[in-house]
Amino acid sequence: TPQYADLQQLSDTYGDRAVVLAVPSDDFNQELASEAEVKDFCALNYDLTLPMTEISHVAKGDLHPFYAWVKAQSGFAPGWNFNKVLLDSDGSFVKAWGATTKPDARPITAALDALIAP
């Protein structure tokens, strides 16, 4: 879960120029039992203030419509926790990265910078 700290830092760095949204999922059998527990854990351990959705299916079962759309658009499906999906300001799919790519990795920040450049 250390990537929560990186997600918060990414959110803090980009401020109102980009929205970083956390999507908890138990598709990999590692999530807490409720949204409230996830939120409390993240706030206590990582001072997480970025928005967070309800616990959703991202890789198996009845996929959340967003993840079904991402898969249809790009073929990308999360293989583990902490995947990243980048959309542009129109909501179009730009790129996705797997769990091993940290939120502050250069490929992600370069893609964000390119999208928000004046």
Protein backbone atom coordinates (compact mmCIF):
# COMPACT_ATOMS: atom_id res chain seq x y z
CA THR A 1 0.00 0.00 0.00
CA PRO A 2 2.89 2.51 -0.04
CA GLN A 3 1.62 3.64 -3.43
CA TYR A 4 -1.15 5.48 -1.57
CA ALA A 5 1.49 7.97 -0.38
CA ASP A 6 2.72 8.35 -3.97
CA LEU A 7 -0.85 8.89 -5.20
CA GLN A 8 -1.39 11.59 -2.59
CA GLN A 9 1.88 13.26 -3.57
CA LEU A 10 0.86 13.17 -7.23
CA SER A 11 -2.47 14.75 -6.31
CA ASP A 12 -0.74 17.42 -4.23
CA THR A 13 1.79 18.15 -6.98
CA TYR A 14 -0.78 18.62 -9.74
CA GLY A 15 -3.41 20.27 -7.55
CA ASP A 16 -6.40 21.45 -9.56
CA ARG A 17 -4.67 20.71 -12.90
CA ALA A 18 -5.42 16.97 -12.62
CA VAL A 19 -7.71 14.75 -10.57
CA VAL A 20 -6.19 11.69 -8.94
CA LEU A 21 -8.91 9.23 -7.97
CA ALA A 22 -8.37 6.09 -5.87
CA VAL A 23 -10.50 3.06 -6.74
CA PRO A 24 -10.30 0.33 -4.09
CA SER A 25 -11.04 -3.21 -5.25
CA ASP A 26 -11.10 -6.61 -3.63
CA ASP A 27 -10.56 -8.41 -6.94
CA PHE A 28 -7.14 -9.44 -5.65
CA ASN A 29 -8.35 -10.43 -2.15
CA GLN A 30 -6.46 -7.72 -0.30
CA GLU A 31 -9.05 -5.04 0.44
CA LEU A 32 -10.63 -4.19 3.77
CA ALA A 33 -14.29 -5.07 4.33
CA SER A 34 -15.92 -1.68 3.71
CA GLU A 35 -15.39 1.70 2.09
CA ALA A 36 -15.34 3.30 5.55
CA GLU A 37 -12.53 0.98 6.70
CA VAL A 38 -10.52 1.69 3.54
CA LYS A 39 -10.98 5.44 3.93
CA ASP A 40 -10.03 5.35 7.63
CA PHE A 41 -6.97 3.18 6.94
CA CYS A 42 -5.78 5.50 4.16
CA ALA A 43 -6.40 8.66 6.16
CA LEU A 44 -4.64 7.28 9.25
CA ASN A 45 -1.66 5.68 7.51
CA TYR A 46 -1.16 7.91 4.47
CA ASP A 47 -3.01 11.16 5.25
CA LEU A 48 -4.96 10.48 2.07
CA THR A 49 -7.24 13.33 1.09
CA LEU A 50 -7.73 12.56 -2.61
CA PRO A 51 -11.17 11.35 -3.70
CA MET A 52 -11.90 7.64 -3.41
CA THR A 53 -14.69 5.57 -4.97
CA GLU A 54 -16.58 2.70 -3.45
CA ILE A 55 -14.98 -0.74 -3.57
CA SER A 56 -15.40 -1.82 -7.21
CA HIS A 57 -14.65 -4.74 -9.50
CA VAL A 58 -11.80 -3.69 -11.77
CA ALA A 59 -10.51 -6.98 -13.19
CA LYS A 60 -13.01 -9.78 -12.68
CA GLY A 61 -16.65 -10.40 -11.95
CA ASP A 62 -19.20 -7.71 -12.74
CA LEU A 63 -16.73 -4.99 -13.80
CA HIS A 64 -17.44 -1.41 -12.89
CA PRO A 65 -18.62 0.27 -16.12
CA PHE A 66 -15.50 2.47 -16.19
CA TYR A 67 -13.17 -0.54 -16.18
CA ALA A 68 -15.30 -2.32 -18.77
CA TRP A 69 -14.99 0.82 -20.93
CA VAL A 70 -11.20 1.01 -20.40
CA LYS A 71 -10.87 -2.62 -21.43
CA ALA A 72 -13.02 -2.04 -24.53
CA GLN A 73 -11.05 1.11 -25.46
CA SER A 74 -7.56 -0.22 -24.89
CA GLY A 75 -7.55 -3.89 -24.00
CA PHE A 76 -6.08 -2.93 -20.62
CA ALA A 77 -7.27 -4.84 -17.56
CA PRO A 78 -5.69 -4.57 -14.12
CA GLY A 79 -3.55 -7.55 -13.18
CA TRP A 80 -3.05 -6.49 -9.58
CA ASN A 81 -3.74 -3.55 -7.27
CA PHE A 82 -2.56 0.01 -7.97
CA ASN A 83 -3.01 0.24 -11.72
CA LYS A 84 -3.15 3.71 -13.24
CA VAL A 85 -5.42 4.95 -16.02
CA LEU A 86 -4.95 8.39 -17.58
CA LEU A 87 -7.81 10.23 -19.26
CA ASP A 88 -7.63 13.59 -20.96
CA SER A 89 -9.85 16.54 -20.07
CA ASP A 90 -12.53 15.25 -22.47
CA GLY A 91 -12.60 11.87 -20.74
CA SER A 92 -10.85 10.04 -23.58
CA PHE A 93 -8.50 7.19 -22.75
CA VAL A 94 -4.83 8.19 -23.03
CA LYS A 95 -2.76 5.43 -21.44
CA ALA A 96 -2.72 2.85 -18.67
CA TRP A 97 0.09 1.50 -16.53
CA GLY A 98 0.29 -1.67 -14.46
CA ALA A 99 0.74 -2.09 -10.75
CA THR A 100 4.53 -2.01 -10.84
CA THR A 101 4.63 1.52 -12.28
CA LYS A 102 4.68 3.96 -9.38
CA PRO A 103 2.36 6.97 -9.53
CA ASP A 104 5.29 9.38 -9.71
CA ALA A 105 7.16 7.43 -12.41
CA ARG A 106 8.45 9.52 -15.29
CA PRO A 107 6.18 7.91 -17.92
CA ILE A 108 3.13 8.97 -15.91
CA THR A 109 4.30 12.46 -15.02
CA ALA A 110 5.51 13.07 -18.60
CA ALA A 111 2.11 12.06 -19.98
CA LEU A 112 0.35 14.29 -17.42
CA ASP A 113 2.65 17.21 -18.18
CA ALA A 114 1.99 16.82 -21.91
CA LEU A 115 -1.77 16.90 -21.33
CA ILE A 116 -1.81 19.96 -19.11
CA ALA A 117 0.87 22.01 -20.88
CA PRO A 118 -0.40 25.42 -22.01
